[in-house]
Every structure is written in structure tokens, then in C-alpha cells.
Amino acid sequence: MSSFDHEKLKVYQLSIDLVVLSDKVVEHLPKGRAYLADQLQRATSSIPLNIAEGAGEYSKLEKCRFYRMAKRSATECAAIFDVCERLRLIEKAQYEKGRDMLVHIVNILTKLAKTTE
């Protein structure tokens, strides 16, 4: 079976793993924190979606734009994780794993964006 360009990128696979982790985090958020759940789900899903769009572009400028959008979504996720951690809504292990994944994702996306400028 053939694959799409984005599926070959490690950052895409890692961002899908982040979506799975954030889904587990959202499952445990209290009902009164639906705004955080919604924002986290939107931001995490935005990362692989933008990576896929960028990988599918021919224009280097457009590739870079999508990778930068994915990076912004990743930093937004980091802030949401920080809010959840400060409000004691996330387990320490999930927080640390999410942060580690996000740092890795941001680093890769930064390099991808710079190489496609």
C-alpha cells in the first residue's frame, strides 16, 4: 500500500501520538472545564492536519507556512498543558510526557520551516 508524503515524517507520527495523549487528558477533565478540553482537542488536531497540508504542497513558501502554523498550534498546546497543570487538572506523568512531545515537535517543525524557507 502506498503512503502519503506526510505519513513518512516523524513529526507527523509524533503529532498523532500527541492527539492520542491529549484525548486521554480530556477524558479526565471536569465537566466545568469543557473550554479547556475543546481548545486542547482543536490545537492538538491542528498540528498533524497542518503538517499533512504542508507536506502536500509543492511551493516551498506554502510548505513553510503550514509548518509554522503547526508549530503555533504546538506552542498553544504547551500553554494549555501549563494551565491544566497549574489548575491541577492533569496527572504529572501526562503533563511531562506531553511537554516532552511538544518540545520535540516544535524543534522538528522549526527545522522543517527553516529548510523550506
PDB file of N, CA and C in Angstrom:
ATOM      1  N   MET A   1       0.849  -1.179   0.000  1.00  0.00           N
ATOM      2  CA  MET A   1       0.000   0.000   0.000  1.00  0.00           C
ATOM      3  C   MET A   1       0.895   1.242   0.000  1.00  0.00           C
ATOM      4  N   SER A   2       0.615   2.171  -0.870  1.00  0.00           N
ATOM      5  CA  SER A   2       1.411   3.395  -0.935  1.00  0.00           C
ATOM      6  C   SER A   2       1.004   4.343   0.187  1.00  0.00           C
ATOM      7  N   SER A   3       1.891   5.269   0.463  1.00  0.00           N
ATOM      8  CA  SER A   3       1.619   6.213   1.551  1.00  0.00           C
ATOM      9  C   SER A   3       1.721   7.646   1.033  1.00  0.00           C
ATOM     10  N   PHE A   4       1.205   8.552   1.837  1.00  0.00           N
ATOM     11  CA  PHE A   4       1.286   9.975   1.535  1.00  0.00           C
ATOM     12  C   PHE A   4       2.599  10.523   2.085  1.00  0.00           C
ATOM     13  N   ASP A   5       3.042  11.642   1.518  1.00  0.00           N
ATOM     14  CA  ASP A   5       4.310  12.244   1.948  1.00  0.00           C
ATOM     15  C   ASP A   5       4.336  12.521   3.453  1.00  0.00           C
ATOM     16  N   HIS A   6       3.235  13.051   3.982  1.00  0.00           N
ATOM     17  CA  HIS A   6       3.227  13.423   5.401  1.00  0.00           C
ATOM     18  C   HIS A   6       3.364  12.217   6.320  1.00  0.00           C
ATOM     19  N   GLU A   7       2.913  11.050   5.873  1.00  0.00           N
ATOM     20  CA  GLU A   7       2.979   9.855   6.710  1.00  0.00           C
ATOM     21  C   GLU A   7       4.414   9.370   6.922  1.00  0.00           C
ATOM     22  N   LYS A   8       5.316   9.825   6.067  1.00  0.00           N
ATOM     23  CA  LYS A   8       6.727   9.453   6.174  1.00  0.00           C
ATOM     24  C   LYS A   8       7.485  10.342   7.166  1.00  0.00           C
ATOM     25  N   LEU A   9       6.856  11.435   7.587  1.00  0.00           N
ATOM     26  CA  LEU A   9       7.515  12.377   8.503  1.00  0.00           C
ATOM     27  C   LEU A   9       7.365  11.935   9.951  1.00  0.00           C
ATOM     28  N   LYS A  10       8.496  11.882  10.645  1.00  0.00           N
ATOM     29  CA  LYS A  10       8.480  11.503  12.060  1.00  0.00           C
ATOM     30  C   LYS A  10       7.614  12.466  12.872  1.00  0.00           C
ATOM     31  N   VAL A  11       7.661  13.751  12.541  1.00  0.00           N
ATOM     32  CA  VAL A  11       6.908  14.758  13.279  1.00  0.00           C
ATOM     33  C   VAL A  11       5.402  14.534  13.128  1.00  0.00           C
ATOM     34  N   TYR A  12       4.994  14.033  11.986  1.00  0.00           N
ATOM     35  CA  TYR A  12       3.575  13.721  11.788  1.00  0.00           C
ATOM     36  C   TYR A  12       3.161  12.577  12.712  1.00  0.00           C
ATOM     37  N   GLN A  13       3.948  11.519  12.734  1.00  0.00           N
ATOM     38  CA  GLN A  13       3.639  10.368  13.598  1.00  0.00           C
ATOM     39  C   GLN A  13       3.630  10.784  15.072  1.00  0.00           C
ATOM     40  N   LEU A  14       4.592  11.606  15.463  1.00  0.00           N
ATOM     41  CA  LEU A  14       4.664  12.095  16.842  1.00  0.00           C
ATOM     42  C   LEU A  14       3.453  12.962  17.178  1.00  0.00           C
ATOM     43  N   SER A  15       3.009  13.765  16.228  1.00  0.00           N
ATOM     44  CA  SER A  15       1.850  14.620  16.483  1.00  0.00           C
ATOM     45  C   SER A  15       0.563  13.800  16.612  1.00  0.00           C
ATOM     46  N   ILE A  16       0.468  12.693  15.914  1.00  0.00           N
ATOM     47  CA  ILE A  16      -0.675  11.791  16.076  1.00  0.00           C
ATOM     48  C   ILE A  16      -0.640  11.181  17.481  1.00  0.00           C
ATOM     49  N   ASP A  17       0.541  10.818  17.945  1.00  0.00           N
ATOM     50  CA  ASP A  17       0.683  10.304  19.318  1.00  0.00           C
ATOM     51  C   ASP A  17       0.234  11.352  20.337  1.00  0.00           C
ATOM     52  N   LEU A  18       0.530  12.613  20.056  1.00  0.00           N
ATOM     53  CA  LEU A  18       0.103  13.694  20.942  1.00  0.00           C
ATOM     54  C   LEU A  18      -1.418  13.815  20.975  1.00  0.00           C
ATOM     55  N   VAL A  19      -2.068  13.647  19.834  1.00  0.00           N
ATOM     56  CA  VAL A  19      -3.530  13.681  19.773  1.00  0.00           C
ATOM     57  C   VAL A  19      -4.103  12.596  20.683  1.00  0.00           C
ATOM     58  N   VAL A  20      -3.511  11.413  20.646  1.00  0.00           N
ATOM     59  CA  VAL A  20      -3.963  10.298  21.490  1.00  0.00           C
ATOM     60  C   VAL A  20      -3.775  10.644  22.966  1.00  0.00           C
ATOM     61  N   LEU A  21      -2.607  11.193  23.315  1.00  0.00           N
ATOM     62  CA  LEU A  21      -2.358  11.579  24.704  1.00  0.00           C
ATOM     63  C   LEU A  21      -3.337  12.653  25.166  1.00  0.00           C
ATOM     64  N   SER A  22      -3.551  13.665  24.349  1.00  0.00           N
ATOM     65  CA  SER A  22      -4.447  14.749  24.757  1.00  0.00           C
ATOM     66  C   SER A  22      -5.881  14.253  24.905  1.00  0.00           C
ATOM     67  N   ASP A  23      -6.257  13.258  24.114  1.00  0.00           N
ATOM     68  CA  ASP A  23      -7.594  12.671  24.245  1.00  0.00           C
ATOM     69  C   ASP A  23      -7.746  12.014  25.623  1.00  0.00           C
ATOM     70  N   LYS A  24      -6.680  11.386  26.090  1.00  0.00           N
ATOM     71  CA  LYS A  24      -6.702  10.770  27.428  1.00  0.00           C
ATOM     72  C   LYS A  24      -6.791  11.840  28.515  1.00  0.00           C
ATOM     73  N   VAL A  25      -6.097  12.948  28.303  1.00  0.00           N
ATOM     74  CA  VAL A  25      -6.147  14.063  29.249  1.00  0.00           C
ATOM     75  C   VAL A  25      -7.568  14.625  29.305  1.00  0.00           C
ATOM     76  N   VAL A  26      -8.168  14.828  28.146  1.00  0.00           N
ATOM     77  CA  VAL A  26      -9.508  15.404  28.050  1.00  0.00           C
ATOM     78  C   VAL A  26     -10.549  14.524  28.749  1.00  0.00           C
ATOM     79  N   GLU A  27     -10.377  13.215  28.664  1.00  0.00           N
ATOM     80  CA  GLU A  27     -11.309  12.287  29.317  1.00  0.00           C
ATOM     81  C   GLU A  27     -11.433  12.544  30.820  1.00  0.00           C
ATOM     82  N   HIS A  28     -10.360  13.057  31.417  1.00  0.00           N
ATOM     83  CA  HIS A  28     -10.339  13.249  32.874  1.00  0.00           C
ATOM     84  C   HIS A  28     -10.578  14.687  33.318  1.00  0.00           C
ATOM     85  N   LEU A  29     -10.807  15.581  32.364  1.00  0.00           N
ATOM     86  CA  LEU A  29     -11.082  16.966  32.747  1.00  0.00           C
ATOM     87  C   LEU A  29     -12.506  17.065  33.283  1.00  0.00           C
ATOM     88  N   PRO A  30     -12.693  17.848  34.349  1.00  0.00           N
ATOM     89  CA  PRO A  30     -14.041  18.026  34.900  1.00  0.00           C
ATOM     90  C   PRO A  30     -14.974  18.696  33.895  1.00  0.00           C
ATOM     91  N   LYS A  31     -16.258  18.444  34.026  1.00  0.00           N
ATOM     92  CA  LYS A  31     -17.269  18.998  33.109  1.00  0.00           C
ATOM     93  C   LYS A  31     -17.175  20.526  33.012  1.00  0.00           C
ATOM     94  N   GLY A  32     -16.855  21.181  34.100  1.00  0.00           N
ATOM     95  CA  GLY A  32     -16.764  22.637  34.115  1.00  0.00           C
ATOM     96  C   GLY A  32     -15.567  23.181  33.347  1.00  0.00           C
ATOM     97  N   ARG A  33     -14.728  22.306  32.850  1.00  0.00           N
ATOM     98  CA  ARG A  33     -13.529  22.727  32.098  1.00  0.00           C
ATOM     99  C   ARG A  33     -13.637  22.354  30.619  1.00  0.00           C
ATOM    100  N   ALA A  34     -14.853  22.330  30.111  1.00  0.00           N
ATOM    101  CA  ALA A  34     -15.085  21.963  28.700  1.00  0.00           C
ATOM    102  C   ALA A  34     -14.336  22.897  27.755  1.00  0.00           C
ATOM    103  N   TYR A  35     -14.177  24.148  28.140  1.00  0.00           N
ATOM    104  CA  TYR A  35     -13.458  25.099  27.294  1.00  0.00           C
ATOM    105  C   TYR A  35     -12.005  24.675  27.098  1.00  0.00           C
ATOM    106  N   LEU A  36     -11.388  24.121  28.142  1.00  0.00           N
ATOM    107  CA  LEU A  36     -10.012  23.636  28.014  1.00  0.00           C
ATOM    108  C   LEU A  36      -9.959  22.377  27.160  1.00  0.00           C
ATOM    109  N   ALA A  37     -10.930  21.503  27.357  1.00  0.00           N
ATOM    110  CA  ALA A  37     -10.987  20.265  26.576  1.00  0.00           C
ATOM    111  C   ALA A  37     -11.124  20.594  25.090  1.00  0.00           C
ATOM    112  N   ASP A  38     -12.028  21.481  24.769  1.00  0.00           N
ATOM    113  CA  ASP A  38     -12.265  21.853  23.379  1.00  0.00           C
ATOM    114  C   ASP A  38     -11.022  22.492  22.771  1.00  0.00           C
ATOM    115  N   GLN A  39     -10.414  23.404  23.491  1.00  0.00           N
ATOM    116  CA  GLN A  39      -9.233  24.103  22.980  1.00  0.00           C
ATOM    117  C   GLN A  39      -8.064  23.136  22.784  1.00  0.00           C
ATOM    118  N   LEU A  40      -7.884  22.215  23.727  1.00  0.00           N
ATOM    119  CA  LEU A  40      -6.792  21.246  23.610  1.00  0.00           C
ATOM    120  C   LEU A  40      -7.029  20.318  22.419  1.00  0.00           C
ATOM    121  N   GLN A  41      -8.242  19.855  22.249  1.00  0.00           N
ATOM    122  CA  GLN A  41      -8.544  18.967  21.119  1.00  0.00           C
ATOM    123  C   GLN A  41      -8.343  19.686  19.781  1.00  0.00           C
ATOM    124  N   ARG A  42      -8.777  20.927  19.700  1.00  0.00           N
ATOM    125  CA  ARG A  42      -8.607  21.680  18.458  1.00  0.00           C
ATOM    126  C   ARG A  42      -7.130  21.933  18.157  1.00  0.00           C
ATOM    127  N   ALA A  43      -6.390  22.335  19.176  1.00  0.00           N
ATOM    128  CA  ALA A  43      -4.976  22.661  18.967  1.00  0.00           C
ATOM    129  C   ALA A  43      -4.159  21.417  18.634  1.00  0.00           C
ATOM    130  N   THR A  44      -4.406  20.311  19.334  1.00  0.00           N
ATOM    131  CA  THR A  44      -3.615  19.108  19.041  1.00  0.00           C
ATOM    132  C   THR A  44      -3.943  18.543  17.668  1.00  0.00           C
ATOM    133  N   SER A  45      -5.199  18.549  17.289  1.00  0.00           N
ATOM    134  CA  SER A  45      -5.544  18.004  15.970  1.00  0.00           C
ATOM    135  C   SER A  45      -5.044  18.916  14.844  1.00  0.00           C
ATOM    136  N   SER A  46      -4.894  20.188  15.134  1.00  0.00           N
ATOM    137  CA  SER A  46      -4.397  21.136  14.141  1.00  0.00           C
ATOM    138  C   SER A  46      -2.955  20.836  13.737  1.00  0.00           C
ATOM    139  N   ILE A  47      -2.178  20.265  14.639  1.00  0.00           N
ATOM    140  CA  ILE A  47      -0.758  20.008  14.343  1.00  0.00           C
ATOM    141  C   ILE A  47      -0.608  19.011  13.186  1.00  0.00           C
ATOM    142  N   PRO A  48      -1.134  17.780  13.306  1.00  0.00           N
ATOM    143  CA  PRO A  48      -0.952  16.851  12.178  1.00  0.00           C
ATOM    144  C   PRO A  48      -1.685  17.293  10.905  1.00  0.00           C
ATOM    145  N   LEU A  49      -2.807  17.991  11.062  1.00  0.00           N
ATOM    146  CA  LEU A  49      -3.531  18.449   9.875  1.00  0.00           C
ATOM    147  C   LEU A  49      -2.705  19.463   9.085  1.00  0.00           C
ATOM    148  N   ASN A  50      -2.057  20.377   9.777  1.00  0.00           N
ATOM    149  CA  ASN A  50      -1.213  21.366   9.093  1.00  0.00           C
ATOM    150  C   ASN A  50       0.057  20.736   8.527  1.00  0.00           C
ATOM    151  N   ILE A  51       0.596  19.754   9.234  1.00  0.00           N
ATOM    152  CA  ILE A  51       1.775  19.044   8.716  1.00  0.00           C
ATOM    153  C   ILE A  51       1.409  18.343   7.406  1.00  0.00           C
ATOM    154  N   ALA A  52       0.256  17.689   7.394  1.00  0.00           N
ATOM    155  CA  ALA A  52      -0.192  16.987   6.184  1.00  0.00           C
ATOM    156  C   ALA A  52      -0.388  17.963   5.033  1.00  0.00           C
ATOM    157  N   GLU A  53      -1.014  19.098   5.317  1.00  0.00           N
ATOM    158  CA  GLU A  53      -1.220  20.094   4.258  1.00  0.00           C
ATOM    159  C   GLU A  53       0.112  20.626   3.741  1.00  0.00           C
ATOM    160  N   GLY A  54       1.032  20.886   4.657  1.00  0.00           N
ATOM    161  CA  GLY A  54       2.341  21.399   4.248  1.00  0.00           C
ATOM    162  C   GLY A  54       3.117  20.397   3.416  1.00  0.00           C
ATOM    163  N   ALA A  55       3.096  19.144   3.834  1.00  0.00           N
ATOM    164  CA  ALA A  55       3.832  18.110   3.101  1.00  0.00           C
ATOM    165  C   ALA A  55       3.271  17.915   1.699  1.00  0.00           C
ATOM    166  N   GLY A  56       2.000  18.206   1.526  1.00  0.00           N
ATOM    167  CA  GLY A  56       1.368  18.046   0.230  1.00  0.00           C
ATOM    168  C   GLY A  56       1.546  19.213  -0.716  1.00  0.00           C
ATOM    169  N   GLU A  57       2.166  20.268  -0.249  1.00  0.00           N
ATOM    170  CA  GLU A  57       2.376  21.462  -1.073  1.00  0.00           C
ATOM    171  C   GLU A  57       3.634  21.328  -1.936  1.00  0.00           C
ATOM    172  N   TYR A  58       3.589  21.942  -3.106  1.00  0.00           N
ATOM    173  CA  TYR A  58       4.769  21.995  -3.973  1.00  0.00           C
ATOM    174  C   TYR A  58       5.587  23.252  -3.696  1.00  0.00           C
ATOM    175  N   SER A  59       4.905  24.321  -3.369  1.00  0.00           N
ATOM    176  CA  SER A  59       5.571  25.593  -3.114  1.00  0.00           C
ATOM    177  C   SER A  59       6.290  25.560  -1.768  1.00  0.00           C
ATOM    178  N   LYS A  60       7.574  25.910  -1.776  1.00  0.00           N
ATOM    179  CA  LYS A  60       8.333  25.952  -0.529  1.00  0.00           C
ATOM    180  C   LYS A  60       7.741  26.965   0.450  1.00  0.00           C
ATOM    181  N   LEU A  61       7.288  28.079  -0.085  1.00  0.00           N
ATOM    182  CA  LEU A  61       6.687  29.120   0.750  1.00  0.00           C
ATOM    183  C   LEU A  61       5.440  28.595   1.466  1.00  0.00           C
ATOM    184  N   GLU A  62       4.605  27.855   0.739  1.00  0.00           N
ATOM    185  CA  GLU A  62       3.390  27.294   1.329  1.00  0.00           C
ATOM    186  C   GLU A  62       3.729  26.193   2.330  1.00  0.00           C
ATOM    187  N   LYS A  63       4.700  25.342   2.015  1.00  0.00           N
ATOM    188  CA  LYS A  63       5.144  24.312   2.960  1.00  0.00           C
ATOM    189  C   LYS A  63       5.535  24.968   4.278  1.00  0.00           C
ATOM    190  N   CYS A  64       6.371  25.985   4.176  1.00  0.00           N
ATOM    191  CA  CYS A  64       6.859  26.701   5.353  1.00  0.00           C
ATOM    192  C   CYS A  64       5.698  27.295   6.147  1.00  0.00           C
ATOM    193  N   ARG A  65       4.738  27.868   5.458  1.00  0.00           N
ATOM    194  CA  ARG A  65       3.584  28.481   6.129  1.00  0.00           C
ATOM    195  C   ARG A  65       2.806  27.443   6.940  1.00  0.00           C
ATOM    196  N   PHE A  66       2.552  26.279   6.366  1.00  0.00           N
ATOM    197  CA  PHE A  66       1.815  25.243   7.081  1.00  0.00           C
ATOM    198  C   PHE A  66       2.624  24.683   8.253  1.00  0.00           C
ATOM    199  N   TYR A  67       3.923  24.508   8.082  1.00  0.00           N
ATOM    200  CA  TYR A  67       4.757  24.016   9.182  1.00  0.00           C
ATOM    201  C   TYR A  67       4.798  25.032  10.324  1.00  0.00           C
ATOM    202  N   ARG A  68       4.798  26.318   9.970  1.00  0.00           N
ATOM    203  CA  ARG A  68       4.772  27.356  11.003  1.00  0.00           C
ATOM    204  C   ARG A  68       3.426  27.377  11.727  1.00  0.00           C
ATOM    205  N   MET A  69       2.336  27.141  11.006  1.00  0.00           N
ATOM    206  CA  MET A  69       1.015  27.062  11.656  1.00  0.00           C
ATOM    207  C   MET A  69       0.969  25.869  12.606  1.00  0.00           C
ATOM    208  N   ALA A  70       1.529  24.754  12.190  1.00  0.00           N
ATOM    209  CA  ALA A  70       1.578  23.571  13.055  1.00  0.00           C
ATOM    210  C   ALA A  70       2.388  23.874  14.316  1.00  0.00           C
ATOM    211  N   LYS A  71       3.487  24.600  14.144  1.00  0.00           N
ATOM    212  CA  LYS A  71       4.330  24.976  15.288  1.00  0.00           C
ATOM    213  C   LYS A  71       3.561  25.878  16.251  1.00  0.00           C
ATOM    214  N   ARG A  72       2.796  26.812  15.719  1.00  0.00           N
ATOM    215  CA  ARG A  72       1.998  27.693  16.591  1.00  0.00           C
ATOM    216  C   ARG A  72       0.966  26.885  17.373  1.00  0.00           C
ATOM    217  N   SER A  73       0.348  25.917  16.724  1.00  0.00           N
ATOM    218  CA  SER A  73      -0.613  25.069  17.424  1.00  0.00           C
ATOM    219  C   SER A  73       0.072  24.263  18.521  1.00  0.00           C
ATOM    220  N   ALA A  74       1.295  23.819  18.261  1.00  0.00           N
ATOM    221  CA  ALA A  74       2.044  23.062  19.268  1.00  0.00           C
ATOM    222  C   ALA A  74       2.369  23.930  20.489  1.00  0.00           C
ATOM    223  N   THR A  75       2.756  25.176  20.251  1.00  0.00           N
ATOM    224  CA  THR A  75       3.044  26.048  21.393  1.00  0.00           C
ATOM    225  C   THR A  75       1.764  26.407  22.142  1.00  0.00           C
ATOM    226  N   GLU A  76       0.650  26.475  21.424  1.00  0.00           N
ATOM    227  CA  GLU A  76      -0.639  26.673  22.089  1.00  0.00           C
ATOM    228  C   GLU A  76      -0.948  25.477  22.993  1.00  0.00           C
ATOM    229  N   CYS A  77      -0.685  24.281  22.511  1.00  0.00           N
ATOM    230  CA  CYS A  77      -0.888  23.075  23.322  1.00  0.00           C
ATOM    231  C   CYS A  77      -0.037  23.117  24.589  1.00  0.00           C
ATOM    232  N   ALA A  78       1.197  23.580  24.447  1.00  0.00           N
ATOM    233  CA  ALA A  78       2.078  23.680  25.613  1.00  0.00           C
ATOM    234  C   ALA A  78       1.472  24.599  26.666  1.00  0.00           C
ATOM    235  N   ALA A  79       0.894  25.706  26.221  1.00  0.00           N
ATOM    236  CA  ALA A  79       0.258  26.638  27.162  1.00  0.00           C
ATOM    237  C   ALA A  79      -0.967  25.999  27.818  1.00  0.00           C
ATOM    238  N   ILE A  80      -1.738  25.254  27.060  1.00  0.00           N
ATOM    239  CA  ILE A  80      -2.915  24.579  27.629  1.00  0.00           C
ATOM    240  C   ILE A  80      -2.475  23.539  28.655  1.00  0.00           C
ATOM    241  N   PHE A  81      -1.420  22.802  28.343  1.00  0.00           N
ATOM    242  CA  PHE A  81      -0.881  21.842  29.312  1.00  0.00           C
ATOM    243  C   PHE A  81      -0.437  22.566  30.585  1.00  0.00           C
ATOM    244  N   ASP A  82       0.191  23.740  30.426  1.00  0.00           N
ATOM    245  CA  ASP A  82       0.613  24.523  31.595  1.00  0.00           C
ATOM    246  C   ASP A  82      -0.586  24.949  32.442  1.00  0.00           C
ATOM    247  N   VAL A  83      -1.641  25.408  31.801  1.00  0.00           N
ATOM    248  CA  VAL A  83      -2.855  25.815  32.517  1.00  0.00           C
ATOM    249  C   VAL A  83      -3.435  24.622  33.269  1.00  0.00           C
ATOM    250  N   CYS A  84      -3.535  23.496  32.586  1.00  0.00           N
ATOM    251  CA  CYS A  84      -4.081  22.291  33.233  1.00  0.00           C
ATOM    252  C   CYS A  84      -3.216  21.856  34.412  1.00  0.00           C
ATOM    253  N   GLU A  85      -1.914  21.972  34.239  1.00  0.00           N
ATOM    254  CA  GLU A  85      -1.009  21.583  35.324  1.00  0.00           C
ATOM    255  C   GLU A  85      -1.155  22.525  36.509  1.00  0.00           C
ATOM    256  N   ARG A  86      -1.218  23.817  36.249  1.00  0.00           N
ATOM    257  CA  ARG A  86      -1.339  24.805  37.320  1.00  0.00           C
ATOM    258  C   ARG A  86      -2.656  24.648  38.069  1.00  0.00           C
ATOM    259  N   LEU A  87      -3.716  24.276  37.343  1.00  0.00           N
ATOM    260  CA  LEU A  87      -5.029  24.064  37.965  1.00  0.00           C
ATOM    261  C   LEU A  87      -5.171  22.653  38.543  1.00  0.00           C
ATOM    262  N   ARG A  88      -4.096  21.887  38.453  1.00  0.00           N
ATOM    263  CA  ARG A  88      -4.073  20.505  38.955  1.00  0.00           C
ATOM    264  C   ARG A  88      -5.140  19.621  38.297  1.00  0.00           C
ATOM    265  N   LEU A  89      -5.285  19.780  36.983  1.00  0.00           N
ATOM    266  CA  LEU A  89      -6.275  19.027  36.220  1.00  0.00           C
ATOM    267  C   LEU A  89      -5.650  17.901  35.407  1.00  0.00           C
ATOM    268  N   ILE A  90      -4.328  17.789  35.464  1.00  0.00           N
ATOM    269  CA  ILE A  90      -3.614  16.802  34.664  1.00  0.00           C
ATOM    270  C   ILE A  90      -2.628  16.056  35.551  1.00  0.00           C
ATOM    271  N   GLU A  91      -2.483  14.768  35.310  1.00  0.00           N
ATOM    272  CA  GLU A  91      -1.514  13.976  36.070  1.00  0.00           C
ATOM    273  C   GLU A  91      -0.103  14.423  35.693  1.00  0.00           C
ATOM    274  N   LYS A  92       0.779  14.389  36.667  1.00  0.00           N
ATOM    275  CA  LYS A  92       2.154  14.839  36.452  1.00  0.00           C
ATOM    276  C   LYS A  92       2.821  14.083  35.296  1.00  0.00           C
ATOM    277  N   ALA A  93       2.618  12.772  35.236  1.00  0.00           N
ATOM    278  CA  ALA A  93       3.239  11.964  34.178  1.00  0.00           C
ATOM    279  C   ALA A  93       2.715  12.367  32.799  1.00  0.00           C
ATOM    280  N   GLN A  94       1.419  12.638  32.683  1.00  0.00           N
ATOM    281  CA  GLN A  94       0.845  13.072  31.409  1.00  0.00           C
ATOM    282  C   GLN A  94       1.383  14.447  31.024  1.00  0.00           C
ATOM    283  N   TYR A  95       1.467  15.322  32.010  1.00  0.00           N
ATOM    284  CA  TYR A  95       1.982  16.668  31.762  1.00  0.00           C
ATOM    285  C   TYR A  95       3.416  16.600  31.226  1.00  0.00           C
ATOM    286  N   GLU A  96       4.258  15.846  31.906  1.00  0.00           N
ATOM    287  CA  GLU A  96       5.659  15.748  31.499  1.00  0.00           C
ATOM    288  C   GLU A  96       5.809  15.082  30.132  1.00  0.00           C
ATOM    289  N   LYS A  97       5.044  14.037  29.886  1.00  0.00           N
ATOM    290  CA  LYS A  97       5.103  13.359  28.593  1.00  0.00           C
ATOM    291  C   LYS A  97       4.637  14.302  27.478  1.00  0.00           C
ATOM    292  N   GLY A  98       3.540  15.001  27.723  1.00  0.00           N
ATOM    293  CA  GLY A  98       3.036  15.947  26.732  1.00  0.00           C
ATOM    294  C   GLY A  98       4.028  17.052  26.443  1.00  0.00           C
ATOM    295  N   ARG A  99       4.604  17.611  27.482  1.00  0.00           N
ATOM    296  CA  ARG A  99       5.593  18.683  27.296  1.00  0.00           C
ATOM    297  C   ARG A  99       6.802  18.190  26.506  1.00  0.00           C
ATOM    298  N   ASP A 100       7.287  16.992  26.847  1.00  0.00           N
ATOM    299  CA  ASP A 100       8.430  16.429  26.117  1.00  0.00           C
ATOM    300  C   ASP A 100       8.101  16.246  24.636  1.00  0.00           C
ATOM    301  N   MET A 101       6.916  15.713  24.362  1.00  0.00           N
ATOM    302  CA  MET A 101       6.491  15.514  22.983  1.00  0.00           C
ATOM    303  C   MET A 101       6.407  16.857  22.257  1.00  0.00           C
ATOM    304  N   LEU A 102       5.843  17.844  22.923  1.00  0.00           N
ATOM    305  CA  LEU A 102       5.677  19.162  22.303  1.00  0.00           C
ATOM    306  C   LEU A 102       7.012  19.837  22.012  1.00  0.00           C
ATOM    307  N   VAL A 103       7.956  19.719  22.930  1.00  0.00           N
ATOM    308  CA  VAL A 103       9.289  20.297  22.691  1.00  0.00           C
ATOM    309  C   VAL A 103       9.908  19.649  21.452  1.00  0.00           C
ATOM    310  N   HIS A 104       9.782  18.335  21.364  1.00  0.00           N
ATOM    311  CA  HIS A 104      10.328  17.600  20.217  1.00  0.00           C
ATOM    312  C   HIS A 104       9.625  18.022  18.914  1.00  0.00           C
ATOM    313  N   ILE A 105       8.311  18.106  18.954  1.00  0.00           N
ATOM    314  CA  ILE A 105       7.532  18.509  17.783  1.00  0.00           C
ATOM    315  C   ILE A 105       7.927  19.915  17.324  1.00  0.00           C
ATOM    316  N   VAL A 106       8.014  20.846  18.273  1.00  0.00           N
ATOM    317  CA  VAL A 106       8.379  22.231  17.935  1.00  0.00           C
ATOM    318  C   VAL A 106       9.780  22.290  17.331  1.00  0.00           C
ATOM    319  N   ASN A 107      10.712  21.538  17.893  1.00  0.00           N
ATOM    320  CA  ASN A 107      12.077  21.531  17.351  1.00  0.00           C
ATOM    321  C   ASN A 107      12.112  21.036  15.913  1.00  0.00           C
ATOM    322  N   ILE A 108      11.407  19.950  15.643  1.00  0.00           N
ATOM    323  CA  ILE A 108      11.383  19.406  14.283  1.00  0.00           C
ATOM    324  C   ILE A 108      10.703  20.377  13.321  1.00  0.00           C
ATOM    325  N   LEU A 109       9.571  20.929  13.741  1.00  0.00           N
ATOM    326  CA  LEU A 109       8.846  21.875  12.879  1.00  0.00           C
ATOM    327  C   LEU A 109       9.658  23.131  12.593  1.00  0.00           C
ATOM    328  N   THR A 110      10.412  23.585  13.576  1.00  0.00           N
ATOM    329  CA  THR A 110      11.282  24.751  13.379  1.00  0.00           C
ATOM    330  C   THR A 110      12.320  24.450  12.300  1.00  0.00           C
ATOM    331  N   LYS A 111      12.922  23.270  12.380  1.00  0.00           N
ATOM    332  CA  LYS A 111      13.914  22.874  11.365  1.00  0.00           C
ATOM    333  C   LYS A 111      13.269  22.717   9.992  1.00  0.00           C
ATOM    334  N   LEU A 112      12.086  22.084   9.952  1.00  0.00           N
ATOM    335  CA  LEU A 112      11.395  21.913   8.674  1.00  0.00           C
ATOM    336  C   LEU A 112      11.054  23.263   8.043  1.00  0.00           C
ATOM    337  N   ALA A 113      10.584  24.181   8.857  1.00  0.00           N
ATOM    338  CA  ALA A 113      10.221  25.501   8.338  1.00  0.00           C
ATOM    339  C   ALA A 113      11.452  26.235   7.810  1.00  0.00           C
ATOM    340  N   LYS A 114      12.567  26.125   8.524  1.00  0.00           N
ATOM    341  CA  LYS A 114      13.789  26.816   8.098  1.00  0.00           C
ATOM    342  C   LYS A 114      14.351  26.216   6.816  1.00  0.00           C
ATOM    343  N   THR A 115      14.224  24.909   6.650  1.00  0.00           N
ATOM    344  CA  THR A 115      14.785  24.276   5.437  1.00  0.00           C
ATOM    345  C   THR A 115      13.907  24.494   4.216  1.00  0.00           C
ATOM    346  N   THR A 116      12.660  24.920   4.433  1.00  0.00           N
ATOM    347  CA  THR A 116      11.772  25.158   3.300  1.00  0.00           C
ATOM    348  C   THR A 116      11.583  26.637   2.995  1.00  0.00           C
ATOM    349  N   GLU A 117      12.245  27.508   3.744  1.00  0.00           N
ATOM    350  CA  GLU A 117      12.110  28.955   3.503  1.00  0.00           C
ATOM    351  C   GLU A 117      12.656  29.350   2.154  1.00  0.00           C
TER     352      GLU A 117
END
